């Protein structure tokens, strides 16, 4: 995954305006395990049914946004509440 540094510097959560950072590999792997088990929902309460190839997470570790084809999906309803993961992983 390659996301432009300048773009990353200006991206933020559309709801809270908190800046985002690239999600750590270990946390992404743990999230994808839960996705595979059917245990993860988007903020709009629909099930996350595909693993994430890459993701951004708000710097307060509250919301995760998927990256599809190197394009961040910064739609609040398609955010993933990070409290669905063990906080030690984040």
PDB file of N, CA and C in Angstrom:
ATOM      1  N   UNK A   1       0.838  -1.167   0.000  1.00  0.00           N
ATOM      2  CA  UNK A   1       0.000   0.000   0.000  1.00  0.00           C
ATOM      3  C   UNK A   1       0.883   1.231   0.000  1.00  0.00           C
ATOM      4  N   UNK A   2       0.563   2.154  -0.874  1.00  0.00           N
ATOM      5  CA  UNK A   2       1.294   3.410  -0.870  1.00  0.00           C
ATOM      6  C   UNK A   2       0.294   4.547  -0.870  1.00  0.00           C
ATOM      7  N   UNK A   3       0.311   5.287   0.204  1.00  0.00           N
ATOM      8  CA  UNK A   3      -0.561   6.450   0.297  1.00  0.00           C
ATOM      9  C   UNK A   3       0.339   7.676   0.387  1.00  0.00           C
ATOM     10  N   UNK A   4       0.016   8.660  -0.378  1.00  0.00           N
ATOM     11  CA  UNK A   4       0.810   9.878  -0.442  1.00  0.00           C
ATOM     12  C   UNK A   4       0.920  10.509   0.941  1.00  0.00           C
ATOM     13  N   UNK A   5       2.139  10.831   1.352  1.00  0.00           N
ATOM     14  CA  UNK A   5       2.377  11.422   2.681  1.00  0.00           C
ATOM     15  C   UNK A   5       1.608  12.728   2.854  1.00  0.00           C
ATOM     16  N   UNK A   6       1.560  13.549   1.822  1.00  0.00           N
ATOM     17  CA  UNK A   6       0.826  14.813   1.927  1.00  0.00           C
ATOM     18  C   UNK A   6      -0.668  14.564   2.140  1.00  0.00           C
ATOM     19  N   UNK A   7      -1.198  13.555   1.458  1.00  0.00           N
ATOM     20  CA  UNK A   7      -2.603  13.207   1.648  1.00  0.00           C
ATOM     21  C   UNK A   7      -2.826  12.701   3.064  1.00  0.00           C
ATOM     22  N   UNK A   8      -1.959  11.837   3.531  1.00  0.00           N
ATOM     23  CA  UNK A   8      -2.091  11.300   4.888  1.00  0.00           C
ATOM     24  C   UNK A   8      -2.051  12.422   5.924  1.00  0.00           C
ATOM     25  N   UNK A   9      -1.225  13.436   5.690  1.00  0.00           N
ATOM     26  CA  UNK A   9      -1.108  14.557   6.630  1.00  0.00           C
ATOM     27  C   UNK A   9      -2.387  15.375   6.751  1.00  0.00           C
ATOM     28  N   UNK A  10      -3.234  15.360   5.721  1.00  0.00           N
ATOM     29  CA  UNK A  10      -4.451  16.176   5.781  1.00  0.00           C
ATOM     30  C   UNK A  10      -5.716  15.372   6.052  1.00  0.00           C
ATOM     31  N   UNK A  11      -5.644  14.045   5.938  1.00  0.00           N
ATOM     32  CA  UNK A  11      -6.831  13.225   6.173  1.00  0.00           C
ATOM     33  C   UNK A  11      -7.211  13.215   7.649  1.00  0.00           C
ATOM     34  N   UNK A  12      -8.513  13.234   7.892  1.00  0.00           N
ATOM     35  CA  UNK A  12      -9.018  13.135   9.253  1.00  0.00           C
ATOM     36  C   UNK A  12     -10.396  12.494   9.223  1.00  0.00           C
ATOM     37  N   UNK A  13     -10.839  12.070  10.363  1.00  0.00           N
ATOM     38  CA  UNK A  13     -12.158  11.471  10.497  1.00  0.00           C
ATOM     39  C   UNK A  13     -13.202  12.514  10.080  1.00  0.00           C
ATOM     40  N   UNK A  14     -14.130  12.147   9.205  1.00  0.00           N
ATOM     41  CA  UNK A  14     -15.130  13.118   8.764  1.00  0.00           C
ATOM     42  C   UNK A  14     -16.081  13.575   9.867  1.00  0.00           C
ATOM     43  N   UNK A  15     -16.203  12.802  10.924  1.00  0.00           N
ATOM     44  CA  UNK A  15     -17.108  13.171  12.009  1.00  0.00           C
ATOM     45  C   UNK A  15     -16.388  13.946  13.117  1.00  0.00           C
ATOM     46  N   UNK A  16     -15.269  13.412  13.596  1.00  0.00           N
ATOM     47  CA  UNK A  16     -14.593  14.019  14.748  1.00  0.00           C
ATOM     48  C   UNK A  16     -13.474  14.977  14.366  1.00  0.00           C
ATOM     49  N   UNK A  17     -13.024  14.898  13.117  1.00  0.00           N
ATOM     50  CA  UNK A  17     -11.908  15.709  12.598  1.00  0.00           C
ATOM     51  C   UNK A  17     -10.563  15.337  13.227  1.00  0.00           C
ATOM     52  N   UNK A  18     -10.488  14.176  13.860  1.00  0.00           N
ATOM     53  CA  UNK A  18      -9.232  13.684  14.427  1.00  0.00           C
ATOM     54  C   UNK A  18      -8.386  13.121  13.297  1.00  0.00           C
ATOM     55  N   UNK A  19      -7.107  13.491  13.224  1.00  0.00           N
ATOM     56  CA  UNK A  19      -6.227  12.975  12.166  1.00  0.00           C
ATOM     57  C   UNK A  19      -6.124  11.447  12.219  1.00  0.00           C
ATOM     58  N   UNK A  20      -5.725  10.870  11.084  1.00  0.00           N
ATOM     59  CA  UNK A  20      -5.586   9.418  10.985  1.00  0.00           C
ATOM     60  C   UNK A  20      -4.141   9.041  10.704  1.00  0.00           C
ATOM     61  N   UNK A  21      -3.844   7.778  10.952  1.00  0.00           N
ATOM     62  CA  UNK A  21      -2.528   7.212  10.657  1.00  0.00           C
ATOM     63  C   UNK A  21      -2.742   5.816  10.090  1.00  0.00           C
ATOM     64  N   UNK A  22      -1.710   5.274   9.492  1.00  0.00           N
ATOM     65  CA  UNK A  22      -1.806   3.924   8.938  1.00  0.00           C
ATOM     66  C   UNK A  22      -1.898   2.922  10.084  1.00  0.00           C
ATOM     67  N   UNK A  23      -2.818   2.004   9.960  1.00  0.00           N
ATOM     68  CA  UNK A  23      -3.026   0.989  10.999  1.00  0.00           C
ATOM     69  C   UNK A  23      -1.871   0.002  10.985  1.00  0.00           C
ATOM     70  N   UNK A  24      -1.413  -0.384  12.172  1.00  0.00           N
ATOM     71  CA  UNK A  24      -0.309  -1.338  12.299  1.00  0.00           C
ATOM     72  C   UNK A  24      -0.693  -2.700  11.724  1.00  0.00           C
ATOM     73  N   UNK A  25       0.299  -3.379  11.182  1.00  0.00           N
ATOM     74  CA  UNK A  25       0.101  -4.680  10.548  1.00  0.00           C
ATOM     75  C   UNK A  25      -0.539  -5.683  11.504  1.00  0.00           C
ATOM     76  N   UNK A  26      -0.084  -5.723  12.751  1.00  0.00           N
ATOM     77  CA  UNK A  26      -0.612  -6.683  13.727  1.00  0.00           C
ATOM     78  C   UNK A  26      -2.082  -6.405  14.017  1.00  0.00           C
ATOM     79  N   UNK A  27      -2.425  -5.124  14.152  1.00  0.00           N
ATOM     80  CA  UNK A  27      -3.809  -4.751  14.431  1.00  0.00           C
ATOM     81  C   UNK A  27      -4.703  -5.082  13.234  1.00  0.00           C
ATOM     82  N   UNK A  28      -4.196  -4.846  12.027  1.00  0.00           N
ATOM     83  CA  UNK A  28      -4.951  -5.161  10.822  1.00  0.00           C
ATOM     84  C   UNK A  28      -5.199  -6.668  10.733  1.00  0.00           C
ATOM     85  N   UNK A  29      -4.203  -7.463  11.060  1.00  0.00           N
ATOM     86  CA  UNK A  29      -4.353  -8.919  11.037  1.00  0.00           C
ATOM     87  C   UNK A  29      -5.411  -9.364  12.054  1.00  0.00           C
ATOM     88  N   UNK A  30      -5.389  -8.780  13.240  1.00  0.00           N
ATOM     89  CA  UNK A  30      -6.378  -9.128  14.268  1.00  0.00           C
ATOM     90  C   UNK A  30      -7.783  -8.725  13.819  1.00  0.00           C
ATOM     91  N   UNK A  31      -7.894  -7.558  13.191  1.00  0.00           N
ATOM     92  CA  UNK A  31      -9.187  -7.111  12.677  1.00  0.00           C
ATOM     93  C   UNK A  31      -9.698  -8.075  11.609  1.00  0.00           C
ATOM     94  N   UNK A  32      -8.822  -8.471  10.701  1.00  0.00           N
ATOM     95  CA  UNK A  32      -9.234  -9.382   9.629  1.00  0.00           C
ATOM     96  C   UNK A  32      -9.638 -10.756  10.156  1.00  0.00           C
ATOM     97  N   UNK A  33      -9.043 -11.200  11.257  1.00  0.00           N
ATOM     98  CA  UNK A  33      -9.472 -12.463  11.878  1.00  0.00           C
ATOM     99  C   UNK A  33     -10.912 -12.343  12.365  1.00  0.00           C
ATOM    100  N   UNK A  34     -11.233 -11.197  12.964  1.00  0.00           N
ATOM    101  CA  UNK A  34     -12.598 -10.975  13.444  1.00  0.00           C
ATOM    102  C   UNK A  34     -13.570 -10.807  12.280  1.00  0.00           C
ATOM    103  N   UNK A  35     -13.114 -10.179  11.198  1.00  0.00           N
ATOM    104  CA  UNK A  35     -13.953 -10.054   9.997  1.00  0.00           C
ATOM    105  C   UNK A  35     -14.284 -11.447   9.469  1.00  0.00           C
ATOM    106  N   UNK A  36     -13.287 -12.303   9.377  1.00  0.00           N
ATOM    107  CA  UNK A  36     -13.488 -13.668   8.881  1.00  0.00           C
ATOM    108  C   UNK A  36     -14.470 -14.450   9.761  1.00  0.00           C
ATOM    109  N   UNK A  37     -14.474 -14.139  11.047  1.00  0.00           N
ATOM    110  CA  UNK A  37     -15.385 -14.813  11.976  1.00  0.00           C
ATOM    111  C   UNK A  37     -16.769 -14.168  11.993  1.00  0.00           C
ATOM    112  N   UNK A  38     -16.950 -13.082  11.222  1.00  0.00           N
ATOM    113  CA  UNK A  38     -18.253 -12.411  11.163  1.00  0.00           C
ATOM    114  C   UNK A  38     -18.560 -11.559  12.369  1.00  0.00           C
ATOM    115  N   UNK A  39     -17.526 -11.084  13.057  1.00  0.00           N
ATOM    116  CA  UNK A  39     -17.703 -10.368  14.318  1.00  0.00           C
ATOM    117  C   UNK A  39     -17.526  -8.853  14.221  1.00  0.00           C
ATOM    118  N   UNK A  40     -17.436  -8.295  13.016  1.00  0.00           N
ATOM    119  CA  UNK A  40     -17.153  -6.868  12.875  1.00  0.00           C
ATOM    120  C   UNK A  40     -18.251  -6.190  12.068  1.00  0.00           C
ATOM    121  N   UNK A  41     -18.652  -5.000  12.544  1.00  0.00           N
ATOM    122  CA  UNK A  41     -19.663  -4.210  11.860  1.00  0.00           C
ATOM    123  C   UNK A  41     -19.127  -2.815  11.550  1.00  0.00           C
ATOM    124  N   UNK A  42     -19.644  -2.242  10.461  1.00  0.00           N
ATOM    125  CA  UNK A  42     -19.387  -0.829  10.167  1.00  0.00           C
ATOM    126  C   UNK A  42     -20.219   0.022  11.125  1.00  0.00           C
ATOM    127  N   UNK A  43     -19.963   1.309  11.149  1.00  0.00           N
ATOM    128  CA  UNK A  43     -20.725   2.226  12.007  1.00  0.00           C
ATOM    129  C   UNK A  43     -22.210   2.253  11.649  1.00  0.00           C
ATOM    130  N   UNK A  44     -22.551   1.921  10.400  1.00  0.00           N
ATOM    131  CA  UNK A  44     -23.967   1.875  10.021  1.00  0.00           C
ATOM    132  C   UNK A  44     -24.605   0.531  10.372  1.00  0.00           C
ATOM    133  N   UNK A  45     -23.886  -0.287  11.123  1.00  0.00           N
ATOM    134  CA  UNK A  45     -24.331  -1.582  11.648  1.00  0.00           C
ATOM    135  C   UNK A  45     -24.456  -2.686  10.598  1.00  0.00           C
ATOM    136  N   UNK A  46     -23.906  -2.465   9.398  1.00  0.00           N
ATOM    137  CA  UNK A  46     -23.833  -3.559   8.432  1.00  0.00           C
ATOM    138  C   UNK A  46     -22.559  -4.348   8.697  1.00  0.00           C
ATOM    139  N   UNK A  47     -22.601  -5.609   8.363  1.00  0.00           N
ATOM    140  CA  UNK A  47     -21.475  -6.509   8.613  1.00  0.00           C
ATOM    141  C   UNK A  47     -20.318  -6.212   7.649  1.00  0.00           C
ATOM    142  N   UNK A  48     -19.108  -6.215   8.176  1.00  0.00           N
ATOM    143  CA  UNK A  48     -17.915  -6.128   7.334  1.00  0.00           C
ATOM    144  C   UNK A  48     -17.701  -7.526   6.788  1.00  0.00           C
ATOM    145  N   UNK A  49     -17.878  -7.688   5.475  1.00  0.00           N
ATOM    146  CA  UNK A  49     -17.827  -9.033   4.916  1.00  0.00           C
ATOM    147  C   UNK A  49     -16.588  -9.316   4.083  1.00  0.00           C
ATOM    148  N   UNK A  50     -15.712  -8.338   3.935  1.00  0.00           N
ATOM    149  CA  UNK A  50     -14.461  -8.555   3.205  1.00  0.00           C
ATOM    150  C   UNK A  50     -13.283  -8.113   4.062  1.00  0.00           C
ATOM    151  N   UNK A  51     -12.186  -8.862   4.042  1.00  0.00           N
ATOM    152  CA  UNK A  51     -11.009  -8.431   4.806  1.00  0.00           C
ATOM    153  C   UNK A  51     -10.465  -7.112   4.258  1.00  0.00           C
ATOM    154  N   UNK A  52      -9.780  -6.396   5.084  1.00  0.00           N
ATOM    155  CA  UNK A  52      -9.188  -5.119   4.705  1.00  0.00           C
ATOM    156  C   UNK A  52      -7.749  -5.352   4.269  1.00  0.00           C
ATOM    157  N   UNK A  53      -7.387  -4.860   3.102  1.00  0.00           N
ATOM    158  CA  UNK A  53      -6.005  -4.971   2.627  1.00  0.00           C
ATOM    159  C   UNK A  53      -5.114  -3.980   3.365  1.00  0.00           C
ATOM    160  N   UNK A  54      -5.688  -2.848   3.722  1.00  0.00           N
ATOM    161  CA  UNK A  54      -4.980  -1.805   4.460  1.00  0.00           C
ATOM    162  C   UNK A  54      -6.034  -0.939   5.138  1.00  0.00           C
ATOM    163  N   UNK A  55      -5.608  -0.175   6.132  1.00  0.00           N
ATOM    164  CA  UNK A  55      -6.572   0.656   6.850  1.00  0.00           C
ATOM    165  C   UNK A  55      -5.887   1.847   7.501  1.00  0.00           C
ATOM    166  N   UNK A  56      -6.707   2.857   7.772  1.00  0.00           N
ATOM    167  CA  UNK A  56      -6.291   4.007   8.552  1.00  0.00           C
ATOM    168  C   UNK A  56      -7.052   3.949   9.868  1.00  0.00           C
ATOM    169  N   UNK A  57      -6.453   4.491  10.918  1.00  0.00           N
ATOM    170  CA  UNK A  57      -7.118   4.550  12.211  1.00  0.00           C
ATOM    171  C   UNK A  57      -6.923   5.953  12.770  1.00  0.00           C
ATOM    172  N   UNK A  58      -7.942   6.464  13.426  1.00  0.00           N
ATOM    173  CA  UNK A  58      -7.805   7.788  14.015  1.00  0.00           C
ATOM    174  C   UNK A  58      -6.740   7.741  15.103  1.00  0.00           C
ATOM    175  N   UNK A  59      -6.088   8.866  15.317  1.00  0.00           N
ATOM    176  CA  UNK A  59      -4.980   8.896  16.279  1.00  0.00           C
ATOM    177  C   UNK A  59      -5.431   8.645  17.711  1.00  0.00           C
ATOM    178  N   UNK A  60      -6.732   8.784  17.978  1.00  0.00           N
ATOM    179  CA  UNK A  60      -7.241   8.421  19.302  1.00  0.00           C
ATOM    180  C   UNK A  60      -7.654   6.948  19.372  1.00  0.00           C
ATOM    181  N   UNK A  61      -7.406   6.218  18.268  1.00  0.00           N
ATOM    182  CA  UNK A  61      -7.693   4.785  18.148  1.00  0.00           C
ATOM    183  C   UNK A  61      -9.167   4.453  18.359  1.00  0.00           C
ATOM    184  N   UNK A  62     -10.045   5.325  17.853  1.00  0.00           N
ATOM    185  CA  UNK A  62     -11.480   5.109  18.008  1.00  0.00           C
ATOM    186  C   UNK A  62     -12.137   4.553  16.755  1.00  0.00           C
ATOM    187  N   UNK A  63     -11.675   4.983  15.562  1.00  0.00           N
ATOM    188  CA  UNK A  63     -12.353   4.599  14.328  1.00  0.00           C
ATOM    189  C   UNK A  63     -11.349   4.160  13.270  1.00  0.00           C
ATOM    190  N   UNK A  64     -11.713   3.111  12.557  1.00  0.00           N
ATOM    191  CA  UNK A  64     -10.882   2.544  11.498  1.00  0.00           C
ATOM    192  C   UNK A  64     -11.574   2.796  10.163  1.00  0.00           C
ATOM    193  N   UNK A  65     -10.779   3.173   9.159  1.00  0.00           N
ATOM    194  CA  UNK A  65     -11.294   3.365   7.800  1.00  0.00           C
ATOM    195  C   UNK A  65     -10.504   2.487   6.848  1.00  0.00           C
ATOM    196  N   UNK A  66     -11.197   1.727   6.026  1.00  0.00           N
ATOM    197  CA  UNK A  66     -10.532   0.832   5.090  1.00  0.00           C
ATOM    198  C   UNK A  66      -9.895   1.626   3.960  1.00  0.00           C
ATOM    199  N   UNK A  67      -8.895   1.032   3.341  1.00  0.00           N
ATOM    200  CA  UNK A  67      -8.262   1.569   2.140  1.00  0.00           C
ATOM    201  C   UNK A  67      -8.479   0.522   1.051  1.00  0.00           C
ATOM    202  N   UNK A  68      -9.166   0.922  -0.014  1.00  0.00           N
ATOM    203  CA  UNK A  68      -9.427   0.029  -1.137  1.00  0.00           C
ATOM    204  C   UNK A  68      -8.696   0.541  -2.366  1.00  0.00           C
ATOM    205  N   UNK A  69      -7.854  -0.295  -2.961  1.00  0.00           N
ATOM    206  CA  UNK A  69      -7.087   0.085  -4.159  1.00  0.00           C
ATOM    207  C   UNK A  69      -6.323   1.395  -3.937  1.00  0.00           C
ATOM    208  N   UNK A  70      -5.684   1.516  -2.783  1.00  0.00           N
ATOM    209  CA  UNK A  70      -4.905   2.698  -2.393  1.00  0.00           C
ATOM    210  C   UNK A  70      -5.750   3.957  -2.220  1.00  0.00           C
ATOM    211  N   UNK A  71      -7.060   3.812  -2.086  1.00  0.00           N
ATOM    212  CA  UNK A  71      -7.949   4.958  -1.886  1.00  0.00           C
ATOM    213  C   UNK A  71      -8.618   4.824  -0.523  1.00  0.00           C
ATOM    214  N   UNK A  72      -8.361   5.773   0.395  1.00  0.00           N
ATOM    215  CA  UNK A  72      -9.020   5.736   1.700  1.00  0.00           C
ATOM    216  C   UNK A  72     -10.529   5.949   1.559  1.00  0.00           C
ATOM    217  N   UNK A  73     -11.303   5.107   2.212  1.00  0.00           N
ATOM    218  CA  UNK A  73     -12.758   5.227   2.196  1.00  0.00           C
ATOM    219  C   UNK A  73     -13.150   5.987   3.470  1.00  0.00           C
ATOM    220  N   UNK A  74     -13.186   7.305   3.345  1.00  0.00           N
ATOM    221  CA  UNK A  74     -13.416   8.173   4.500  1.00  0.00           C
ATOM    222  C   UNK A  74     -14.893   8.567   4.589  1.00  0.00           C
ATOM    223  N   UNK A  75     -15.734   7.559   4.708  1.00  0.00           N
ATOM    224  CA  UNK A  75     -17.173   7.756   4.850  1.00  0.00           C
ATOM    225  C   UNK A  75     -17.529   7.318   6.267  1.00  0.00           C
ATOM    226  N   UNK A  76     -18.111   8.208   7.039  1.00  0.00           N
ATOM    227  CA  UNK A  76     -18.368   7.949   8.447  1.00  0.00           C
ATOM    228  C   UNK A  76     -19.162   6.664   8.651  1.00  0.00           C
ATOM    229  N   UNK A  77     -20.185   6.424   7.828  1.00  0.00           N
ATOM    230  CA  UNK A  77     -21.002   5.216   7.983  1.00  0.00           C
ATOM    231  C   UNK A  77     -20.205   3.950   7.716  1.00  0.00           C
ATOM    232  N   UNK A  78     -19.141   4.045   6.931  1.00  0.00           N
ATOM    233  CA  UNK A  78     -18.304   2.889   6.619  1.00  0.00           C
ATOM    234  C   UNK A  78     -17.054   2.825   7.491  1.00  0.00           C
ATOM    235  N   UNK A  79     -17.030   3.639   8.533  1.00  0.00           N
ATOM    236  CA  UNK A  79     -15.982   3.514   9.531  1.00  0.00           C
ATOM    237  C   UNK A  79     -16.248   2.268  10.367  1.00  0.00           C
ATOM    238  N   UNK A  80     -15.241   1.818  11.066  1.00  0.00           N
ATOM    239  CA  UNK A  80     -15.356   0.640  11.931  1.00  0.00           C
ATOM    240  C   UNK A  80     -14.934   1.075  13.331  1.00  0.00           C
ATOM    241  N   UNK A  81     -15.815   0.909  14.290  1.00  0.00           N
ATOM    242  CA  UNK A  81     -15.479   1.257  15.670  1.00  0.00           C
ATOM    243  C   UNK A  81     -14.351   0.354  16.158  1.00  0.00           C
ATOM    244  N   UNK A  82     -13.268   0.960  16.583  1.00  0.00           N
ATOM    245  CA  UNK A  82     -12.087   0.194  16.992  1.00  0.00           C
ATOM    246  C   UNK A  82     -12.307  -0.575  18.289  1.00  0.00           C
ATOM    247  N   UNK A  83     -13.360  -0.245  19.038  1.00  0.00           N
ATOM    248  CA  UNK A  83     -13.605  -0.978  20.281  1.00  0.00           C
ATOM    249  C   UNK A  83     -14.053  -2.419  20.032  1.00  0.00           C
ATOM    250  N   UNK A  84     -14.179  -2.793  18.770  1.00  0.00           N
ATOM    251  CA  UNK A  84     -14.470  -4.182  18.423  1.00  0.00           C
ATOM    252  C   UNK A  84     -13.208  -5.047  18.490  1.00  0.00           C
ATOM    253  N   UNK A  85     -12.063  -4.393  18.702  1.00  0.00           N
ATOM    254  CA  UNK A  85     -10.769  -5.077  18.837  1.00  0.00           C
ATOM    255  C   UNK A  85     -10.255  -4.918  20.262  1.00  0.00           C
ATOM    256  N   UNK A  86      -9.359  -5.800  20.638  1.00  0.00           N
ATOM    257  CA  UNK A  86      -8.679  -5.688  21.933  1.00  0.00           C
ATOM    258  C   UNK A  86      -7.812  -4.437  21.910  1.00  0.00           C
ATOM    259  N   UNK A  87      -7.987  -3.548  22.857  1.00  0.00           N
ATOM    260  CA  UNK A  87      -7.258  -2.268  22.868  1.00  0.00           C
ATOM    261  C   UNK A  87      -5.744  -2.454  22.966  1.00  0.00           C
ATOM    262  N   UNK A  88      -5.271  -3.596  23.473  1.00  0.00           N
ATOM    263  CA  UNK A  88      -3.821  -3.839  23.565  1.00  0.00           C
ATOM    264  C   UNK A  88      -3.185  -3.987  22.192  1.00  0.00           C
ATOM    265  N   UNK A  89      -3.963  -4.395  21.204  1.00  0.00           N
ATOM    266  CA  UNK A  89      -3.443  -4.598  19.848  1.00  0.00           C
ATOM    267  C   UNK A  89      -3.247  -3.267  19.138  1.00  0.00           C
ATOM    268  N   UNK A  90      -4.120  -2.313  19.432  1.00  0.00           N
ATOM    269  CA  UNK A  90      -4.071  -1.027  18.750  1.00  0.00           C
ATOM    270  C   UNK A  90      -2.889  -0.237  19.240  1.00  0.00           C
TER     271      UNK A  90
END
